[in-house]
N, C-alpha and C. Protein backbone atom coordinates (compact mmCIF):
# COMPACT_ATOMS: atom_id res chain seq x y z
N MET A 1 19.59 3.74 -11.89
CA MET A 1 18.69 3.86 -10.76
C MET A 1 19.53 3.84 -9.48
N THR A 2 19.41 4.87 -8.69
CA THR A 2 20.10 4.94 -7.41
C THR A 2 19.35 4.06 -6.41
N THR A 3 20.06 3.22 -5.70
CA THR A 3 19.39 2.35 -4.75
C THR A 3 19.72 2.78 -3.33
N ARG A 4 18.88 2.35 -2.41
CA ARG A 4 19.10 2.61 -1.00
C ARG A 4 18.74 1.34 -0.26
N SER A 5 19.11 1.27 0.97
CA SER A 5 18.76 0.12 1.79
C SER A 5 17.24 0.12 1.99
N GLN A 6 16.60 -0.96 1.58
CA GLN A 6 15.15 -1.04 1.68
C GLN A 6 14.74 -1.55 3.05
N LEU A 7 13.66 -0.99 3.55
CA LEU A 7 13.14 -1.37 4.86
C LEU A 7 11.92 -2.25 4.67
N ARG A 8 11.62 -3.05 5.66
CA ARG A 8 10.44 -3.90 5.62
C ARG A 8 9.34 -3.29 6.47
N ALA A 9 8.11 -3.56 6.10
CA ALA A 9 6.97 -3.11 6.90
C ALA A 9 7.07 -3.75 8.28
N PRO A 10 6.81 -2.98 9.34
CA PRO A 10 6.99 -3.50 10.69
C PRO A 10 5.87 -4.43 11.16
N PHE A 11 4.78 -4.52 10.39
CA PHE A 11 3.67 -5.39 10.76
C PHE A 11 2.89 -5.73 9.49
N PRO A 12 2.20 -6.88 9.50
CA PRO A 12 1.38 -7.22 8.33
C PRO A 12 0.13 -6.32 8.31
N TRP A 13 -0.39 -6.09 7.11
CA TRP A 13 -1.56 -5.23 6.99
C TRP A 13 -2.45 -5.76 5.87
N TYR A 14 -3.73 -5.84 6.14
CA TYR A 14 -4.68 -6.26 5.12
C TYR A 14 -4.58 -5.29 3.94
N GLY A 15 -4.33 -5.82 2.78
CA GLY A 15 -4.15 -4.97 1.61
C GLY A 15 -2.73 -4.49 1.42
N GLY A 16 -1.79 -4.99 2.23
CA GLY A 16 -0.40 -4.58 2.11
C GLY A 16 0.19 -4.98 0.76
N LYS A 17 1.14 -4.21 0.29
CA LYS A 17 1.71 -4.41 -1.04
C LYS A 17 3.19 -4.78 -1.00
N SER A 18 3.63 -5.49 0.03
CA SER A 18 5.06 -5.82 0.13
C SER A 18 5.54 -6.61 -1.08
N LEU A 19 4.75 -7.54 -1.59
CA LEU A 19 5.18 -8.30 -2.77
C LEU A 19 5.05 -7.51 -4.06
N ALA A 20 4.13 -6.56 -4.10
CA ALA A 20 3.92 -5.76 -5.31
C ALA A 20 4.81 -4.52 -5.35
N ALA A 21 5.42 -4.15 -4.23
CA ALA A 21 6.20 -2.92 -4.17
C ALA A 21 7.29 -2.82 -5.25
N PRO A 22 8.06 -3.87 -5.52
CA PRO A 22 9.08 -3.74 -6.58
C PRO A 22 8.47 -3.41 -7.94
N LEU A 23 7.32 -3.99 -8.23
CA LEU A 23 6.64 -3.71 -9.49
C LEU A 23 6.16 -2.26 -9.53
N ILE A 24 5.59 -1.80 -8.44
CA ILE A 24 5.11 -0.42 -8.37
C ILE A 24 6.26 0.56 -8.57
N TRP A 25 7.40 0.31 -7.93
CA TRP A 25 8.54 1.22 -8.09
C TRP A 25 9.14 1.13 -9.49
N ARG A 26 9.07 -0.03 -10.11
CA ARG A 26 9.53 -0.15 -11.49
C ARG A 26 8.65 0.72 -12.39
N ALA A 27 7.35 0.73 -12.14
CA ALA A 27 6.42 1.53 -12.95
C ALA A 27 6.53 3.02 -12.65
N PHE A 28 6.85 3.37 -11.42
CA PHE A 28 6.96 4.79 -11.05
C PHE A 28 8.32 5.37 -11.39
N GLY A 29 9.37 4.60 -11.23
CA GLY A 29 10.71 5.14 -11.37
C GLY A 29 11.03 6.03 -10.16
N SER A 30 12.06 6.86 -10.29
CA SER A 30 12.45 7.73 -9.19
C SER A 30 11.66 9.04 -9.27
N VAL A 31 10.44 8.99 -8.79
CA VAL A 31 9.56 10.17 -8.86
C VAL A 31 10.00 11.22 -7.84
N PRO A 32 9.83 12.52 -8.17
CA PRO A 32 10.26 13.56 -7.24
C PRO A 32 9.32 13.72 -6.04
N ASN A 33 8.07 13.27 -6.18
CA ASN A 33 7.10 13.44 -5.09
C ASN A 33 6.23 12.18 -5.04
N TYR A 34 6.29 11.43 -3.96
CA TYR A 34 5.49 10.22 -3.79
C TYR A 34 4.39 10.50 -2.78
N VAL A 35 3.14 10.21 -3.15
CA VAL A 35 2.00 10.41 -2.28
C VAL A 35 1.32 9.06 -2.06
N GLU A 36 1.15 8.68 -0.80
CA GLU A 36 0.49 7.42 -0.44
C GLU A 36 -0.72 7.76 0.43
N PRO A 37 -1.93 7.76 -0.16
CA PRO A 37 -3.11 8.13 0.62
C PRO A 37 -3.62 7.03 1.54
N PHE A 38 -3.20 5.78 1.31
CA PHE A 38 -3.65 4.64 2.12
C PHE A 38 -2.41 3.96 2.71
N ALA A 39 -1.85 4.57 3.74
CA ALA A 39 -0.53 4.17 4.25
C ALA A 39 -0.46 2.73 4.75
N GLY A 40 -1.38 2.32 5.61
CA GLY A 40 -1.31 0.98 6.17
C GLY A 40 0.07 0.73 6.76
N SER A 41 0.70 -0.37 6.35
CA SER A 41 2.03 -0.71 6.87
C SER A 41 3.16 0.01 6.14
N LEU A 42 2.83 0.83 5.16
CA LEU A 42 3.81 1.57 4.34
C LEU A 42 4.77 0.65 3.59
N ALA A 43 4.32 -0.55 3.26
CA ALA A 43 5.19 -1.52 2.59
C ALA A 43 5.76 -0.97 1.30
N THR A 44 4.96 -0.26 0.51
CA THR A 44 5.46 0.26 -0.76
C THR A 44 6.49 1.36 -0.54
N LEU A 45 6.19 2.31 0.31
CA LEU A 45 7.14 3.39 0.57
C LEU A 45 8.45 2.86 1.15
N LEU A 46 8.35 1.94 2.11
CA LEU A 46 9.56 1.42 2.75
C LEU A 46 10.43 0.61 1.79
N ALA A 47 9.84 0.10 0.72
CA ALA A 47 10.60 -0.66 -0.27
C ALA A 47 11.15 0.22 -1.39
N ARG A 48 11.02 1.52 -1.25
CA ARG A 48 11.51 2.43 -2.30
C ARG A 48 12.99 2.21 -2.56
N PRO A 49 13.35 1.89 -3.80
CA PRO A 49 14.77 1.62 -4.10
C PRO A 49 15.59 2.87 -4.40
N HIS A 50 14.94 4.02 -4.44
CA HIS A 50 15.62 5.27 -4.78
C HIS A 50 15.77 6.13 -3.54
N ALA A 51 16.69 7.06 -3.61
CA ALA A 51 16.84 8.01 -2.52
C ALA A 51 15.54 8.79 -2.35
N ALA A 52 15.14 8.98 -1.11
CA ALA A 52 13.89 9.69 -0.82
C ALA A 52 13.97 11.14 -1.27
N LYS A 53 12.87 11.63 -1.76
CA LYS A 53 12.75 13.04 -2.11
C LYS A 53 11.62 13.58 -1.26
N ILE A 54 10.49 13.94 -1.86
CA ILE A 54 9.33 14.38 -1.08
C ILE A 54 8.37 13.20 -0.97
N GLU A 55 8.00 12.85 0.25
CA GLU A 55 7.10 11.73 0.49
C GLU A 55 5.98 12.19 1.41
N THR A 56 4.74 11.95 0.98
CA THR A 56 3.57 12.33 1.76
C THR A 56 2.73 11.10 1.98
N VAL A 57 2.41 10.80 3.24
CA VAL A 57 1.58 9.64 3.53
C VAL A 57 0.39 10.05 4.38
N ASN A 58 -0.67 9.26 4.27
CA ASN A 58 -1.88 9.53 5.03
C ASN A 58 -2.64 8.22 5.16
N ASP A 59 -3.56 8.16 6.09
CA ASP A 59 -4.46 7.02 6.22
C ASP A 59 -5.68 7.48 7.01
N LYS A 60 -6.85 7.02 6.60
CA LYS A 60 -8.08 7.40 7.30
C LYS A 60 -8.15 6.75 8.68
N ASP A 61 -7.42 5.66 8.87
CA ASP A 61 -7.38 4.97 10.16
C ASP A 61 -6.51 5.77 11.12
N GLY A 62 -7.13 6.35 12.14
CA GLY A 62 -6.41 7.20 13.09
C GLY A 62 -5.30 6.48 13.84
N LEU A 63 -5.48 5.18 14.12
CA LEU A 63 -4.43 4.44 14.82
C LEU A 63 -3.19 4.27 13.95
N ILE A 64 -3.39 4.03 12.67
CA ILE A 64 -2.25 3.88 11.76
C ILE A 64 -1.51 5.21 11.62
N ALA A 65 -2.26 6.27 11.40
CA ALA A 65 -1.64 7.60 11.29
C ALA A 65 -0.85 7.93 12.55
N ASN A 66 -1.43 7.61 13.71
CA ASN A 66 -0.76 7.88 14.99
C ASN A 66 0.51 7.03 15.14
N PHE A 67 0.44 5.76 14.73
CA PHE A 67 1.62 4.89 14.83
C PHE A 67 2.78 5.49 14.04
N TRP A 68 2.52 5.88 12.79
CA TRP A 68 3.61 6.41 11.96
C TRP A 68 4.12 7.75 12.48
N ARG A 69 3.23 8.57 13.00
CA ARG A 69 3.65 9.84 13.59
C ARG A 69 4.55 9.58 14.80
N ALA A 70 4.13 8.65 15.67
CA ALA A 70 4.92 8.32 16.86
C ALA A 70 6.26 7.70 16.47
N THR A 71 6.26 6.84 15.46
CA THR A 71 7.50 6.20 15.02
C THR A 71 8.48 7.22 14.48
N GLN A 72 7.96 8.23 13.80
CA GLN A 72 8.84 9.28 13.26
C GLN A 72 9.42 10.15 14.37
N THR A 73 8.61 10.50 15.36
CA THR A 73 9.06 11.44 16.37
C THR A 73 9.74 10.80 17.57
N ALA A 74 9.39 9.55 17.89
CA ALA A 74 9.97 8.89 19.07
C ALA A 74 10.18 7.40 18.81
N PRO A 75 11.05 7.05 17.86
CA PRO A 75 11.20 5.64 17.48
C PRO A 75 11.66 4.74 18.63
N ASP A 76 12.54 5.22 19.49
CA ASP A 76 13.01 4.39 20.60
C ASP A 76 11.88 4.10 21.59
N GLU A 77 11.04 5.09 21.83
CA GLU A 77 9.90 4.92 22.73
C GLU A 77 8.89 3.93 22.14
N VAL A 78 8.62 4.02 20.84
CA VAL A 78 7.71 3.07 20.19
C VAL A 78 8.28 1.66 20.29
N ALA A 79 9.58 1.51 20.04
CA ALA A 79 10.20 0.19 20.13
C ALA A 79 10.12 -0.35 21.55
N ARG A 80 10.31 0.50 22.54
CA ARG A 80 10.23 0.05 23.94
C ARG A 80 8.84 -0.48 24.25
N TRP A 81 7.80 0.23 23.84
CA TRP A 81 6.44 -0.22 24.11
C TRP A 81 6.07 -1.44 23.27
N ALA A 82 6.59 -1.53 22.06
CA ALA A 82 6.30 -2.69 21.21
C ALA A 82 6.98 -3.95 21.73
N ASP A 83 8.03 -3.78 22.49
CA ASP A 83 8.78 -4.92 23.02
C ASP A 83 8.30 -5.32 24.41
N TRP A 84 7.16 -4.85 24.82
CA TRP A 84 6.61 -5.14 26.15
C TRP A 84 6.44 -6.65 26.32
N PRO A 85 7.05 -7.23 27.35
CA PRO A 85 6.91 -8.68 27.56
C PRO A 85 5.61 -9.00 28.32
N GLY A 86 4.49 -8.89 27.62
CA GLY A 86 3.20 -9.09 28.27
C GLY A 86 2.73 -10.53 28.21
N ASN A 87 1.66 -10.79 28.96
CA ASN A 87 1.03 -12.10 28.89
C ASN A 87 -0.26 -11.96 28.08
N GLU A 88 -0.92 -13.06 27.80
CA GLU A 88 -2.10 -13.03 26.93
C GLU A 88 -3.21 -12.14 27.49
N ALA A 89 -3.48 -12.24 28.78
CA ALA A 89 -4.54 -11.42 29.38
C ALA A 89 -4.22 -9.94 29.23
N ASP A 90 -2.95 -9.57 29.43
CA ASP A 90 -2.53 -8.18 29.28
C ASP A 90 -2.70 -7.72 27.83
N GLN A 91 -2.31 -8.57 26.90
CA GLN A 91 -2.43 -8.20 25.48
C GLN A 91 -3.89 -8.02 25.08
N HIS A 92 -4.78 -8.89 25.55
CA HIS A 92 -6.20 -8.74 25.24
C HIS A 92 -6.75 -7.44 25.83
N ALA A 93 -6.35 -7.12 27.04
CA ALA A 93 -6.82 -5.89 27.68
C ALA A 93 -6.34 -4.66 26.92
N ARG A 94 -5.06 -4.64 26.50
CA ARG A 94 -4.53 -3.52 25.74
C ARG A 94 -5.24 -3.40 24.38
N HIS A 95 -5.44 -4.55 23.74
CA HIS A 95 -6.12 -4.54 22.45
C HIS A 95 -7.54 -3.98 22.59
N ARG A 96 -8.28 -4.44 23.59
CA ARG A 96 -9.65 -3.97 23.81
C ARG A 96 -9.66 -2.46 24.03
N ARG A 97 -8.71 -1.97 24.83
CA ARG A 97 -8.65 -0.53 25.11
C ARG A 97 -8.37 0.27 23.83
N LEU A 98 -7.45 -0.21 23.00
CA LEU A 98 -7.14 0.47 21.74
C LEU A 98 -8.35 0.45 20.80
N VAL A 99 -8.99 -0.69 20.68
CA VAL A 99 -10.14 -0.79 19.78
C VAL A 99 -11.27 0.10 20.26
N ASP A 100 -11.58 0.05 21.54
CA ASP A 100 -12.67 0.88 22.08
C ASP A 100 -12.39 2.36 21.90
N ALA A 101 -11.14 2.76 22.08
CA ALA A 101 -10.78 4.18 21.97
C ALA A 101 -10.78 4.65 20.52
N ALA A 102 -10.58 3.73 19.59
CA ALA A 102 -10.38 4.14 18.20
C ALA A 102 -11.59 3.96 17.31
N LEU A 103 -12.64 3.35 17.78
CA LEU A 103 -13.77 3.05 16.89
C LEU A 103 -14.26 4.24 16.09
N PRO A 104 -14.43 5.43 16.67
CA PRO A 104 -14.92 6.55 15.85
C PRO A 104 -13.93 6.97 14.77
N LYS A 105 -12.64 6.69 14.95
CA LYS A 105 -11.61 7.13 14.00
C LYS A 105 -11.36 6.10 12.90
N ARG A 106 -11.84 4.87 13.06
CA ARG A 106 -11.54 3.79 12.12
C ARG A 106 -12.40 3.87 10.87
N LEU A 107 -11.90 3.32 9.79
CA LEU A 107 -12.65 3.26 8.55
C LEU A 107 -13.73 2.20 8.70
N ASP A 108 -14.96 2.60 8.57
CA ASP A 108 -16.07 1.65 8.65
C ASP A 108 -16.15 0.86 7.36
N ARG A 109 -16.58 -0.39 7.46
CA ARG A 109 -16.74 -1.23 6.27
C ARG A 109 -17.70 -0.58 5.26
N GLU A 110 -18.74 0.11 5.75
CA GLU A 110 -19.69 0.74 4.85
C GLU A 110 -19.02 1.82 4.01
N ASP A 111 -17.98 2.45 4.55
CA ASP A 111 -17.28 3.51 3.83
C ASP A 111 -16.39 2.96 2.72
N ALA A 112 -16.01 1.70 2.82
CA ALA A 112 -15.00 1.13 1.92
C ALA A 112 -15.43 1.20 0.45
N ALA A 113 -16.69 0.83 0.14
CA ALA A 113 -17.14 0.85 -1.25
C ALA A 113 -17.15 2.27 -1.80
N ASP A 114 -17.63 3.22 -1.01
CA ASP A 114 -17.65 4.61 -1.45
C ASP A 114 -16.23 5.13 -1.66
N LEU A 115 -15.33 4.80 -0.74
CA LEU A 115 -13.95 5.25 -0.85
C LEU A 115 -13.28 4.65 -2.08
N SER A 116 -13.55 3.38 -2.36
CA SER A 116 -13.00 2.74 -3.54
C SER A 116 -13.46 3.44 -4.82
N GLU A 117 -14.73 3.75 -4.90
CA GLU A 117 -15.27 4.42 -6.08
C GLU A 117 -14.73 5.85 -6.21
N LEU A 118 -14.63 6.56 -5.10
CA LEU A 118 -14.07 7.92 -5.14
C LEU A 118 -12.61 7.89 -5.59
N THR A 119 -11.86 6.91 -5.11
CA THR A 119 -10.45 6.78 -5.50
C THR A 119 -10.34 6.49 -6.99
N ARG A 120 -11.17 5.56 -7.48
CA ARG A 120 -11.18 5.23 -8.91
C ARG A 120 -11.50 6.47 -9.75
N ALA A 121 -12.51 7.22 -9.35
CA ALA A 121 -12.90 8.41 -10.11
C ALA A 121 -11.77 9.43 -10.15
N TRP A 122 -11.09 9.62 -9.01
CA TRP A 122 -9.95 10.55 -8.97
C TRP A 122 -8.85 10.06 -9.91
N ALA A 123 -8.56 8.76 -9.87
CA ALA A 123 -7.49 8.20 -10.71
C ALA A 123 -7.80 8.39 -12.19
N ILE A 124 -9.03 8.15 -12.60
CA ILE A 124 -9.40 8.35 -14.00
C ILE A 124 -9.30 9.82 -14.38
N GLU A 125 -9.79 10.70 -13.53
CA GLU A 125 -9.74 12.14 -13.80
C GLU A 125 -8.31 12.63 -14.01
N HIS A 126 -7.35 12.08 -13.27
CA HIS A 126 -5.97 12.56 -13.32
C HIS A 126 -5.02 11.63 -14.07
N GLY A 127 -5.54 10.53 -14.61
CA GLY A 127 -4.69 9.52 -15.24
C GLY A 127 -3.91 9.96 -16.45
N GLU A 128 -4.38 10.97 -17.16
CA GLU A 128 -3.66 11.45 -18.36
C GLU A 128 -2.71 12.59 -18.06
N ASN A 129 -2.65 13.02 -16.80
CA ASN A 129 -1.75 14.11 -16.42
C ASN A 129 -0.30 13.64 -16.58
N PRO A 130 0.50 14.30 -17.42
CA PRO A 130 1.88 13.84 -17.65
C PRO A 130 2.78 13.95 -16.42
N GLN A 131 2.34 14.67 -15.39
CA GLN A 131 3.16 14.80 -14.19
C GLN A 131 2.85 13.74 -13.14
N LEU A 132 1.86 12.89 -13.40
CA LEU A 132 1.46 11.90 -12.40
C LEU A 132 1.63 10.47 -12.91
N ARG A 133 2.11 9.62 -12.05
CA ARG A 133 2.14 8.17 -12.29
C ARG A 133 1.29 7.56 -11.18
N ILE A 134 0.21 6.93 -11.57
CA ILE A 134 -0.78 6.45 -10.61
C ILE A 134 -0.86 4.93 -10.63
N ALA A 135 -0.88 4.33 -9.45
CA ALA A 135 -1.15 2.90 -9.30
C ALA A 135 -2.43 2.78 -8.48
N LEU A 136 -3.44 2.16 -9.06
CA LEU A 136 -4.71 1.93 -8.38
C LEU A 136 -4.78 0.44 -8.09
N CYS A 137 -4.88 0.10 -6.82
CA CYS A 137 -4.89 -1.31 -6.43
C CYS A 137 -6.30 -1.75 -6.06
N GLY A 138 -6.58 -3.01 -6.32
CA GLY A 138 -7.89 -3.56 -5.99
C GLY A 138 -7.95 -5.03 -6.36
N TRP A 139 -9.17 -5.49 -6.64
CA TRP A 139 -9.39 -6.89 -6.99
C TRP A 139 -10.04 -6.99 -8.36
N GLU A 140 -9.87 -8.11 -8.99
CA GLU A 140 -10.49 -8.35 -10.29
C GLU A 140 -11.97 -8.01 -10.22
N GLY A 141 -12.42 -7.21 -11.17
CA GLY A 141 -13.83 -6.83 -11.22
C GLY A 141 -14.19 -5.62 -10.38
N GLU A 142 -13.27 -5.13 -9.57
CA GLU A 142 -13.58 -3.99 -8.71
C GLU A 142 -13.60 -2.67 -9.47
N HIS A 143 -12.66 -2.50 -10.41
CA HIS A 143 -12.55 -1.23 -11.14
C HIS A 143 -12.64 -1.48 -12.64
N GLU A 144 -13.40 -0.66 -13.31
CA GLU A 144 -13.43 -0.63 -14.77
C GLU A 144 -12.61 0.59 -15.17
N MET A 145 -11.44 0.35 -15.75
CA MET A 145 -10.52 1.44 -16.05
C MET A 145 -10.42 1.65 -17.56
N PRO A 146 -10.00 2.85 -17.99
CA PRO A 146 -9.82 3.13 -19.42
C PRO A 146 -8.82 2.17 -20.06
N ARG A 147 -8.95 2.00 -21.35
CA ARG A 147 -8.12 1.03 -22.08
C ARG A 147 -6.63 1.35 -22.03
N ARG A 148 -6.26 2.61 -21.90
CA ARG A 148 -4.83 2.97 -21.88
C ARG A 148 -4.14 2.59 -20.58
N TRP A 149 -4.88 2.23 -19.56
CA TRP A 149 -4.30 1.80 -18.30
C TRP A 149 -3.82 0.35 -18.43
N THR A 150 -2.73 0.02 -17.77
CA THR A 150 -2.20 -1.35 -17.77
C THR A 150 -2.66 -2.06 -16.50
N ARG A 151 -3.23 -3.23 -16.67
CA ARG A 151 -3.70 -4.02 -15.53
C ARG A 151 -2.74 -5.18 -15.30
N ILE A 152 -2.27 -5.33 -14.06
CA ILE A 152 -1.34 -6.39 -13.69
C ILE A 152 -1.99 -7.25 -12.60
N ALA A 153 -1.95 -8.54 -12.80
CA ALA A 153 -2.42 -9.47 -11.77
C ALA A 153 -1.24 -9.85 -10.90
N TRP A 154 -1.46 -10.00 -9.60
CA TRP A 154 -0.41 -10.40 -8.67
C TRP A 154 -1.04 -11.16 -7.52
N ARG A 155 -0.24 -11.81 -6.70
CA ARG A 155 -0.73 -12.55 -5.54
C ARG A 155 -0.07 -12.03 -4.27
N SER A 156 -0.92 -11.75 -3.30
CA SER A 156 -0.42 -11.31 -2.00
C SER A 156 -0.11 -12.52 -1.14
N LYS A 157 0.35 -12.27 0.07
CA LYS A 157 0.62 -13.35 1.02
C LYS A 157 -0.66 -13.82 1.70
N GLY A 158 -1.74 -13.07 1.55
CA GLY A 158 -2.99 -13.37 2.25
C GLY A 158 -3.64 -14.66 1.79
N SER A 159 -4.67 -15.04 2.53
CA SER A 159 -5.37 -16.28 2.22
C SER A 159 -6.88 -16.07 2.17
N GLY A 160 -7.34 -14.85 2.08
CA GLY A 160 -8.77 -14.56 2.11
C GLY A 160 -9.47 -14.89 0.81
N LYS A 161 -10.73 -14.50 0.76
CA LYS A 161 -11.57 -14.83 -0.40
C LYS A 161 -11.08 -14.17 -1.69
N ASN A 162 -10.30 -13.10 -1.60
CA ASN A 162 -9.81 -12.41 -2.79
C ASN A 162 -8.42 -12.88 -3.23
N ARG A 163 -7.89 -13.90 -2.58
CA ARG A 163 -6.56 -14.43 -2.94
C ARG A 163 -6.57 -14.83 -4.41
N GLY A 164 -5.60 -14.34 -5.15
CA GLY A 164 -5.50 -14.64 -6.57
C GLY A 164 -6.27 -13.65 -7.44
N LYS A 165 -7.00 -12.74 -6.82
CA LYS A 165 -7.76 -11.74 -7.57
C LYS A 165 -7.15 -10.35 -7.48
N GLU A 166 -5.99 -10.22 -6.85
CA GLU A 166 -5.35 -8.93 -6.67
C GLU A 166 -4.95 -8.34 -8.02
N ARG A 167 -5.20 -7.05 -8.19
CA ARG A 167 -4.87 -6.35 -9.43
C ARG A 167 -4.30 -4.97 -9.11
N ILE A 168 -3.41 -4.52 -9.99
CA ILE A 168 -2.92 -3.13 -9.95
C ILE A 168 -3.14 -2.57 -11.35
N TRP A 169 -3.75 -1.39 -11.41
CA TRP A 169 -3.94 -0.67 -12.66
C TRP A 169 -2.96 0.50 -12.66
N PHE A 170 -2.12 0.57 -13.69
CA PHE A 170 -1.14 1.65 -13.82
C PHE A 170 -1.61 2.65 -14.88
N SER A 171 -1.50 3.93 -14.55
CA SER A 171 -1.91 4.98 -15.48
C SER A 171 -0.97 5.01 -16.69
N PRO A 172 -1.42 5.63 -17.78
CA PRO A 172 -0.61 5.66 -19.01
C PRO A 172 0.75 6.33 -18.83
N GLN A 173 0.93 7.17 -17.83
CA GLN A 173 2.20 7.88 -17.63
C GLN A 173 3.25 7.02 -16.92
N CYS A 174 2.85 5.85 -16.41
CA CYS A 174 3.80 4.97 -15.73
C CYS A 174 4.78 4.38 -16.72
N LEU A 175 5.94 4.01 -16.22
CA LEU A 175 6.96 3.38 -17.05
C LEU A 175 6.54 1.94 -17.34
N PRO A 176 6.94 1.40 -18.50
CA PRO A 176 6.60 0.00 -18.79
C PRO A 176 7.33 -0.93 -17.84
N VAL A 177 6.69 -2.03 -17.48
CA VAL A 177 7.30 -2.99 -16.56
C VAL A 177 7.32 -4.37 -17.20
N ASN A 178 8.37 -5.11 -16.90
CA ASN A 178 8.46 -6.51 -17.31
C ASN A 178 8.10 -7.31 -16.07
N ASP A 179 6.81 -7.45 -15.82
CA ASP A 179 6.34 -8.04 -14.57
C ASP A 179 6.69 -9.51 -14.43
N GLY A 180 6.74 -10.28 -15.50
CA GLY A 180 7.06 -11.71 -15.38
C GLY A 180 8.46 -11.92 -14.83
N GLU A 181 9.42 -11.17 -15.37
CA GLU A 181 10.81 -11.27 -14.90
C GLU A 181 10.94 -10.81 -13.45
N LEU A 182 10.27 -9.71 -13.12
CA LEU A 182 10.36 -9.15 -11.78
C LEU A 182 9.83 -10.12 -10.74
N PHE A 183 8.65 -10.70 -10.99
CA PHE A 183 8.04 -11.52 -9.97
C PHE A 183 8.51 -12.97 -10.00
N ALA A 184 9.21 -13.37 -11.06
CA ALA A 184 9.79 -14.70 -11.04
C ALA A 184 10.84 -14.77 -9.94
N THR A 185 11.53 -13.67 -9.71
CA THR A 185 12.54 -13.66 -8.65
C THR A 185 11.95 -13.37 -7.29
N ALA A 186 10.78 -12.72 -7.25
CA ALA A 186 10.15 -12.39 -5.98
C ALA A 186 9.31 -13.53 -5.43
N GLY A 187 9.06 -14.56 -6.24
CA GLY A 187 8.29 -15.69 -5.76
C GLY A 187 6.80 -15.51 -5.82
N ALA A 188 6.33 -14.49 -6.50
CA ALA A 188 4.89 -14.27 -6.63
C ALA A 188 4.45 -14.59 -8.05
N GLU A 189 3.20 -14.84 -8.21
CA GLU A 189 2.67 -15.13 -9.54
C GLU A 189 1.88 -13.92 -10.00
N LEU A 190 2.13 -13.46 -11.22
CA LEU A 190 1.34 -12.40 -11.79
C LEU A 190 1.61 -12.28 -13.25
N GLY A 191 0.86 -11.44 -13.90
CA GLY A 191 1.06 -11.22 -15.31
C GLY A 191 0.31 -10.02 -15.80
N ALA A 192 0.78 -9.43 -16.89
CA ALA A 192 0.08 -8.30 -17.48
C ALA A 192 -1.14 -8.81 -18.22
N GLU A 193 -2.19 -8.03 -18.18
CA GLU A 193 -3.43 -8.39 -18.85
C GLU A 193 -3.89 -7.22 -19.68
N ALA A 194 -4.66 -7.47 -20.68
CA ALA A 194 -5.28 -6.38 -21.44
C ALA A 194 -6.40 -5.81 -20.57
N ALA A 195 -6.44 -4.51 -20.46
CA ALA A 195 -7.45 -3.88 -19.60
C ALA A 195 -8.82 -3.89 -20.20
């Protein structure tokens, strides 16, 4: 396995996979084309241990998509604005302006259940394709997947109501993973389960 210097996500993100990324890459291997439809903080992509090939990312959240586009095209400018030595009142005003401007572009909570089900249906439809290795992430009880899929339990850094219920379902085309060994060194708790 060719390794490269791994990068860290520049900000925390609800649903981020920074602790699960090594497991995901172990299951994927050095794939020629990586597609991330729910980019968020890009924790999984940034932790890729292999040399980059073709990588495609997207996110329904317009602010996230814009952040990554700006970071790619003008990283020094993004860093300059991110390093702004503001005060609390200034930060609240900037936050309010961003939120107000972005509301129509943001993923509504009502859309989340539909999006989850659509994603699950797509994963099942394409799960037997020998050219695809799919990781479907969610919580215990969220997805009912075919028996040939491998379900892995893991723990994120979060503290919400779903803490300890995090799951990743790997399609049959994924490489086998020794998750206990991997996460014993990463400091997370998880284990393979029968699907």
